[in-house]
Structures are given as C-alpha cells and as structure tokens.
C-alpha cells in the first residue's frame, strides 16, 4: 500500500510527501509577487503557525522553537 501524507516519514518506503493544501496556487512569478505585496499591506494583528507534533530528536529547529 502507498501512503500520501502531508508529513511523510522518509524512513518508511510506503510514505510519499505531498504539498500541504492551501488556498494559494500561483500560476506565475508575478502572481506570487502580487500575493506577497497584498499580504504585506494587510493589517494583521496575529501571526500563526501550525507546527504539528514535536519531533523528539529535533530540538534546534523552528518547529521546536514555536512549540517551546
């Protein structure tokens, strides 16, 4: 059986990572630049990040810092 997962485990041969689904599917570099400009102009009160579960052997990563 093959497993498609957002976070694949590279040590298991049946897992294959796929990109995380999002609302942004740029069709060109210009599209990305327009989206970045739009986000920079927005008044955002909060920034958020989804980190998932902590990784036991990964203590010096951005993920570990966010969870901490």
PDB file of N, CA and C in Angstrom:
ATOM      1  N   UNK A   1       0.847  -1.170   0.000  1.00  0.00           N
ATOM      2  CA  UNK A   1       0.000   0.000   0.000  1.00  0.00           C
ATOM      3  C   UNK A   1       0.896   1.238   0.000  1.00  0.00           C
ATOM      4  N   UNK A   2       0.520   2.241  -0.758  1.00  0.00           N
ATOM      5  CA  UNK A   2       1.233   3.513  -0.796  1.00  0.00           C
ATOM      6  C   UNK A   2       0.447   4.534   0.008  1.00  0.00           C
ATOM      7  N   UNK A   3       1.157   5.343   0.783  1.00  0.00           N
ATOM      8  CA  UNK A   3       0.511   6.358   1.613  1.00  0.00           C
ATOM      9  C   UNK A   3       0.969   7.732   1.153  1.00  0.00           C
ATOM     10  N   UNK A   4       0.015   8.611   0.836  1.00  0.00           N
ATOM     11  CA  UNK A   4       0.315  10.005   0.535  1.00  0.00           C
ATOM     12  C   UNK A   4       0.014  10.804   1.789  1.00  0.00           C
ATOM     13  N   UNK A   5       0.997  11.505   2.302  1.00  0.00           N
ATOM     14  CA  UNK A   5       0.830  12.224   3.562  1.00  0.00           C
ATOM     15  C   UNK A   5       1.455  13.604   3.460  1.00  0.00           C
ATOM     16  N   UNK A   6       0.872  14.558   4.196  1.00  0.00           N
ATOM     17  CA  UNK A   6       1.442  15.902   4.231  1.00  0.00           C
ATOM     18  C   UNK A   6       2.826  15.850   4.851  1.00  0.00           C
ATOM     19  N   UNK A   7       2.979  15.070   5.893  1.00  0.00           N
ATOM     20  CA  UNK A   7       4.284  14.894   6.526  1.00  0.00           C
ATOM     21  C   UNK A   7       4.674  13.434   6.390  1.00  0.00           C
ATOM     22  N   UNK A   8       5.462  13.131   5.386  1.00  0.00           N
ATOM     23  CA  UNK A   8       5.865  11.745   5.152  1.00  0.00           C
ATOM     24  C   UNK A   8       7.025  11.376   6.057  1.00  0.00           C
ATOM     25  N   UNK A   9       7.091  10.123   6.382  1.00  0.00           N
ATOM     26  CA  UNK A   9       8.205   9.590   7.150  1.00  0.00           C
ATOM     27  C   UNK A   9       9.201   9.019   6.146  1.00  0.00           C
ATOM     28  N   UNK A  10      10.352   9.674   5.955  1.00  0.00           N
ATOM     29  CA  UNK A  10      11.285   9.214   4.927  1.00  0.00           C
ATOM     30  C   UNK A  10      11.890   7.841   5.201  1.00  0.00           C
ATOM     31  N   UNK A  11      11.723   7.331   6.391  1.00  0.00           N
ATOM     32  CA  UNK A  11      12.295   6.030   6.731  1.00  0.00           C
ATOM     33  C   UNK A  11      11.334   4.889   6.441  1.00  0.00           C
ATOM     34  N   UNK A  12      10.145   5.218   5.992  1.00  0.00           N
ATOM     35  CA  UNK A  12       9.186   4.187   5.605  1.00  0.00           C
ATOM     36  C   UNK A  12       8.957   4.319   4.106  1.00  0.00           C
ATOM     37  N   UNK A  13       9.298   3.298   3.372  1.00  0.00           N
ATOM     38  CA  UNK A  13       9.248   3.359   1.922  1.00  0.00           C
ATOM     39  C   UNK A  13       7.879   3.540   1.307  1.00  0.00           C
ATOM     40  N   UNK A  14       6.813   3.328   2.087  1.00  0.00           N
ATOM     41  CA  UNK A  14       5.478   3.459   1.508  1.00  0.00           C
ATOM     42  C   UNK A  14       4.920   4.877   1.622  1.00  0.00           C
ATOM     43  N   UNK A  15       5.589   5.750   2.364  1.00  0.00           N
ATOM     44  CA  UNK A  15       5.110   7.120   2.545  1.00  0.00           C
ATOM     45  C   UNK A  15       5.705   8.047   1.498  1.00  0.00           C
ATOM     46  N   UNK A  16       4.865   8.867   0.909  1.00  0.00           N
ATOM     47  CA  UNK A  16       5.310   9.870  -0.047  1.00  0.00           C
ATOM     48  C   UNK A  16       4.705  11.205   0.340  1.00  0.00           C
ATOM     49  N   UNK A  17       5.555  12.204   0.551  1.00  0.00           N
ATOM     50  CA  UNK A  17       5.083  13.519   0.959  1.00  0.00           C
ATOM     51  C   UNK A  17       4.442  14.272  -0.193  1.00  0.00           C
ATOM     52  N   UNK A  18       3.359  14.955   0.111  1.00  0.00           N
ATOM     53  CA  UNK A  18       2.684  15.815  -0.864  1.00  0.00           C
ATOM     54  C   UNK A  18       2.602  17.216  -0.269  1.00  0.00           C
ATOM     55  N   UNK A  19       2.540  18.243  -1.099  1.00  0.00           N
ATOM     56  CA  UNK A  19       2.465  19.606  -0.564  1.00  0.00           C
ATOM     57  C   UNK A  19       1.222  19.801   0.295  1.00  0.00           C
ATOM     58  N   UNK A  20       1.360  20.631   1.328  1.00  0.00           N
ATOM     59  CA  UNK A  20       0.228  20.941   2.191  1.00  0.00           C
ATOM     60  C   UNK A  20      -0.798  21.722   1.387  1.00  0.00           C
ATOM     61  N   UNK A  21      -2.064  21.336   1.426  1.00  0.00           N
ATOM     62  CA  UNK A  21      -3.078  22.062   0.655  1.00  0.00           C
ATOM     63  C   UNK A  21      -3.259  23.481   1.193  1.00  0.00           C
ATOM     64  N   UNK A  22      -3.331  24.424   0.307  1.00  0.00           N
ATOM     65  CA  UNK A  22      -3.536  25.814   0.716  1.00  0.00           C
ATOM     66  C   UNK A  22      -4.411  26.502  -0.313  1.00  0.00           C
ATOM     67  N   UNK A  23      -4.764  27.725  -0.013  1.00  0.00           N
ATOM     68  CA  UNK A  23      -5.601  28.482  -0.944  1.00  0.00           C
ATOM     69  C   UNK A  23      -4.775  29.164  -2.025  1.00  0.00           C
ATOM     70  N   UNK A  24      -3.472  29.189  -1.907  1.00  0.00           N
ATOM     71  CA  UNK A  24      -2.617  29.851  -2.886  1.00  0.00           C
ATOM     72  C   UNK A  24      -2.023  28.831  -3.847  1.00  0.00           C
ATOM     73  N   UNK A  25      -2.379  28.960  -5.105  1.00  0.00           N
ATOM     74  CA  UNK A  25      -1.832  28.108  -6.158  1.00  0.00           C
ATOM     75  C   UNK A  25      -1.350  29.030  -7.273  1.00  0.00           C
ATOM     76  N   UNK A  26      -0.164  29.637  -7.102  1.00  0.00           N
ATOM     77  CA  UNK A  26       0.303  30.635  -8.069  1.00  0.00           C
ATOM     78  C   UNK A  26       0.552  30.031  -9.450  1.00  0.00           C
ATOM     79  N   UNK A  27       0.241  30.838 -10.448  1.00  0.00           N
ATOM     80  CA  UNK A  27       0.435  30.401 -11.828  1.00  0.00           C
ATOM     81  C   UNK A  27       1.668  31.039 -12.460  1.00  0.00           C
ATOM     82  N   UNK A  28       2.276  31.988 -11.748  1.00  0.00           N
ATOM     83  CA  UNK A  28       3.455  32.658 -12.296  1.00  0.00           C
ATOM     84  C   UNK A  28       4.213  33.353 -11.169  1.00  0.00           C
ATOM     85  N   UNK A  29       5.416  33.804 -11.475  1.00  0.00           N
ATOM     86  CA  UNK A  29       6.182  34.590 -10.501  1.00  0.00           C
ATOM     87  C   UNK A  29       5.443  35.875 -10.156  1.00  0.00           C
ATOM     88  N   UNK A  30       4.822  36.490 -11.159  1.00  0.00           N
ATOM     89  CA  UNK A  30       4.078  37.735 -10.929  1.00  0.00           C
ATOM     90  C   UNK A  30       2.928  37.508  -9.953  1.00  0.00           C
ATOM     91  N   UNK A  31       2.287  36.363 -10.052  1.00  0.00           N
ATOM     92  CA  UNK A  31       1.191  36.036  -9.134  1.00  0.00           C
ATOM     93  C   UNK A  31       1.705  35.967  -7.693  1.00  0.00           C
ATOM     94  N   UNK A  32       2.847  35.340  -7.503  1.00  0.00           N
ATOM     95  CA  UNK A  32       3.449  35.253  -6.167  1.00  0.00           C
ATOM     96  C   UNK A  32       3.783  36.647  -5.649  1.00  0.00           C
ATOM     97  N   UNK A  33       4.373  37.479  -6.491  1.00  0.00           N
ATOM     98  CA  UNK A  33       4.736  38.840  -6.074  1.00  0.00           C
ATOM     99  C   UNK A  33       3.509  39.660  -5.704  1.00  0.00           C
ATOM    100  N   UNK A  34       2.433  39.549  -6.487  1.00  0.00           N
ATOM    101  CA  UNK A  34       1.184  40.266  -6.152  1.00  0.00           C
ATOM    102  C   UNK A  34       0.646  39.799  -4.809  1.00  0.00           C
ATOM    103  N   UNK A  35       0.661  38.485  -4.565  1.00  0.00           N
ATOM    104  CA  UNK A  35       0.162  37.940  -3.303  1.00  0.00           C
ATOM    105  C   UNK A  35       1.022  38.433  -2.134  1.00  0.00           C
ATOM    106  N   UNK A  36       2.349  38.422  -2.308  1.00  0.00           N
ATOM    107  CA  UNK A  36       3.239  38.903  -1.249  1.00  0.00           C
ATOM    108  C   UNK A  36       2.980  40.374  -0.945  1.00  0.00           C
ATOM    109  N   UNK A  37       2.822  41.186  -1.985  1.00  0.00           N
ATOM    110  CA  UNK A  37       2.527  42.614  -1.774  1.00  0.00           C
ATOM    111  C   UNK A  37       1.214  42.793  -1.029  1.00  0.00           C
ATOM    112  N   UNK A  38       0.215  42.016  -1.416  1.00  0.00           N
ATOM    113  CA  UNK A  38      -1.092  42.097  -0.743  1.00  0.00           C
ATOM    114  C   UNK A  38      -0.971  41.732   0.736  1.00  0.00           C
ATOM    115  N   UNK A  39      -0.242  40.690   1.043  1.00  0.00           N
ATOM    116  CA  UNK A  39      -0.079  40.271   2.431  1.00  0.00           C
ATOM    117  C   UNK A  39       0.703  41.305   3.238  1.00  0.00           C
ATOM    118  N   UNK A  40       1.684  41.934   2.621  1.00  0.00           N
ATOM    119  CA  UNK A  40       2.469  42.956   3.326  1.00  0.00           C
ATOM    120  C   UNK A  40       1.628  44.177   3.671  1.00  0.00           C
ATOM    121  N   UNK A  41       0.658  44.501   2.841  1.00  0.00           N
ATOM    122  CA  UNK A  41      -0.188  45.677   3.080  1.00  0.00           C
ATOM    123  C   UNK A  41      -1.281  45.425   4.111  1.00  0.00           C
ATOM    124  N   UNK A  42      -1.609  44.193   4.362  1.00  0.00           N
ATOM    125  CA  UNK A  42      -2.711  43.875   5.286  1.00  0.00           C
ATOM    126  C   UNK A  42      -2.329  44.193   6.725  1.00  0.00           C
ATOM    127  N   UNK A  43      -3.324  44.630   7.479  1.00  0.00           N
ATOM    128  CA  UNK A  43      -3.144  44.882   8.905  1.00  0.00           C
ATOM    129  C   UNK A  43      -3.430  43.574   9.642  1.00  0.00           C
ATOM    130  N   UNK A  44      -2.380  42.878  10.018  1.00  0.00           N
ATOM    131  CA  UNK A  44      -2.541  41.587  10.691  1.00  0.00           C
ATOM    132  C   UNK A  44      -2.214  41.750  12.166  1.00  0.00           C
ATOM    133  N   UNK A  45      -3.166  41.448  13.008  1.00  0.00           N
ATOM    134  CA  UNK A  45      -2.954  41.546  14.453  1.00  0.00           C
ATOM    135  C   UNK A  45      -2.231  40.325  15.003  1.00  0.00           C
ATOM    136  N   UNK A  46      -2.403  39.205  14.349  1.00  0.00           N
ATOM    137  CA  UNK A  46      -1.814  37.964  14.847  1.00  0.00           C
ATOM    138  C   UNK A  46      -1.083  37.246  13.719  1.00  0.00           C
ATOM    139  N   UNK A  47      -0.019  36.600  14.080  1.00  0.00           N
ATOM    140  CA  UNK A  47       0.653  35.682  13.171  1.00  0.00           C
ATOM    141  C   UNK A  47       0.509  34.290  13.770  1.00  0.00           C
ATOM    142  N   UNK A  48       0.313  33.304  12.952  1.00  0.00           N
ATOM    143  CA  UNK A  48       0.146  31.961  13.479  1.00  0.00           C
ATOM    144  C   UNK A  48       0.950  30.985  12.641  1.00  0.00           C
ATOM    145  N   UNK A  49       1.196  29.853  13.240  1.00  0.00           N
ATOM    146  CA  UNK A  49       1.899  28.783  12.546  1.00  0.00           C
ATOM    147  C   UNK A  49       1.389  27.448  13.067  1.00  0.00           C
ATOM    148  N   UNK A  50       1.229  26.506  12.184  1.00  0.00           N
ATOM    149  CA  UNK A  50       0.862  25.159  12.588  1.00  0.00           C
ATOM    150  C   UNK A  50       2.131  24.324  12.578  1.00  0.00           C
ATOM    151  N   UNK A  51       2.468  23.771  13.706  1.00  0.00           N
ATOM    152  CA  UNK A  51       3.717  23.024  13.801  1.00  0.00           C
ATOM    153  C   UNK A  51       3.523  21.520  13.901  1.00  0.00           C
ATOM    154  N   UNK A  52       2.333  21.078  14.197  1.00  0.00           N
ATOM    155  CA  UNK A  52       2.122  19.644  14.345  1.00  0.00           C
ATOM    156  C   UNK A  52       2.729  19.140  15.642  1.00  0.00           C
ATOM    157  N   UNK A  53       3.141  17.916  15.635  1.00  0.00           N
ATOM    158  CA  UNK A  53       3.692  17.296  16.841  1.00  0.00           C
ATOM    159  C   UNK A  53       5.183  17.582  16.965  1.00  0.00           C
ATOM    160  N   UNK A  54       5.689  17.636  18.198  1.00  0.00           N
ATOM    161  CA  UNK A  54       7.135  17.829  18.366  1.00  0.00           C
ATOM    162  C   UNK A  54       7.904  16.613  17.862  1.00  0.00           C
ATOM    163  N   UNK A  55       9.114  16.851  17.435  1.00  0.00           N
ATOM    164  CA  UNK A  55       9.996  15.775  16.991  1.00  0.00           C
ATOM    165  C   UNK A  55      11.026  15.538  18.090  1.00  0.00           C
ATOM    166  N   UNK A  56      11.109  14.334  18.575  1.00  0.00           N
ATOM    167  CA  UNK A  56      11.956  14.030  19.724  1.00  0.00           C
ATOM    168  C   UNK A  56      13.429  14.338  19.482  1.00  0.00           C
ATOM    169  N   UNK A  57      13.926  14.077  18.298  1.00  0.00           N
ATOM    170  CA  UNK A  57      15.351  14.287  18.017  1.00  0.00           C
ATOM    171  C   UNK A  57      15.626  15.636  17.360  1.00  0.00           C
ATOM    172  N   UNK A  58      14.623  16.463  17.262  1.00  0.00           N
ATOM    173  CA  UNK A  58      14.763  17.732  16.554  1.00  0.00           C
ATOM    174  C   UNK A  58      14.507  18.881  17.525  1.00  0.00           C
ATOM    175  N   UNK A  59      15.545  19.286  18.243  1.00  0.00           N
ATOM    176  CA  UNK A  59      15.369  20.315  19.269  1.00  0.00           C
ATOM    177  C   UNK A  59      15.847  21.691  18.829  1.00  0.00           C
ATOM    178  N   UNK A  60      16.565  21.773  17.720  1.00  0.00           N
ATOM    179  CA  UNK A  60      17.115  23.060  17.281  1.00  0.00           C
ATOM    180  C   UNK A  60      16.511  23.499  15.953  1.00  0.00           C
ATOM    181  N   UNK A  61      15.216  23.311  15.814  1.00  0.00           N
ATOM    182  CA  UNK A  61      14.528  23.697  14.589  1.00  0.00           C
ATOM    183  C   UNK A  61      13.510  24.784  14.891  1.00  0.00           C
ATOM    184  N   UNK A  62      13.015  25.420  13.846  1.00  0.00           N
ATOM    185  CA  UNK A  62      11.965  26.424  14.022  1.00  0.00           C
ATOM    186  C   UNK A  62      10.746  25.775  14.661  1.00  0.00           C
ATOM    187  N   UNK A  63      10.424  24.563  14.243  1.00  0.00           N
ATOM    188  CA  UNK A  63       9.286  23.841  14.815  1.00  0.00           C
ATOM    189  C   UNK A  63       9.437  23.725  16.331  1.00  0.00           C
ATOM    190  N   UNK A  64      10.608  23.316  16.789  1.00  0.00           N
ATOM    191  CA  UNK A  64      10.844  23.154  18.228  1.00  0.00           C
ATOM    192  C   UNK A  64      10.732  24.491  18.952  1.00  0.00           C
ATOM    193  N   UNK A  65      11.222  25.553  18.336  1.00  0.00           N
ATOM    194  CA  UNK A  65      11.144  26.872  18.966  1.00  0.00           C
ATOM    195  C   UNK A  65       9.702  27.347  19.081  1.00  0.00           C
ATOM    196  N   UNK A  66       8.897  27.103  18.058  1.00  0.00           N
ATOM    197  CA  UNK A  66       7.491  27.520  18.102  1.00  0.00           C
ATOM    198  C   UNK A  66       6.746  26.747  19.178  1.00  0.00           C
ATOM    199  N   UNK A  67       6.977  25.448  19.257  1.00  0.00           N
ATOM    200  CA  UNK A  67       6.292  24.626  20.256  1.00  0.00           C
ATOM    201  C   UNK A  67       6.708  25.024  21.663  1.00  0.00           C
ATOM    202  N   UNK A  68       7.992  25.353  21.817  1.00  0.00           N
ATOM    203  CA  UNK A  68       8.503  25.746  23.130  1.00  0.00           C
ATOM    204  C   UNK A  68       7.847  27.032  23.573  1.00  0.00           C
TER     205      UNK A  68
END
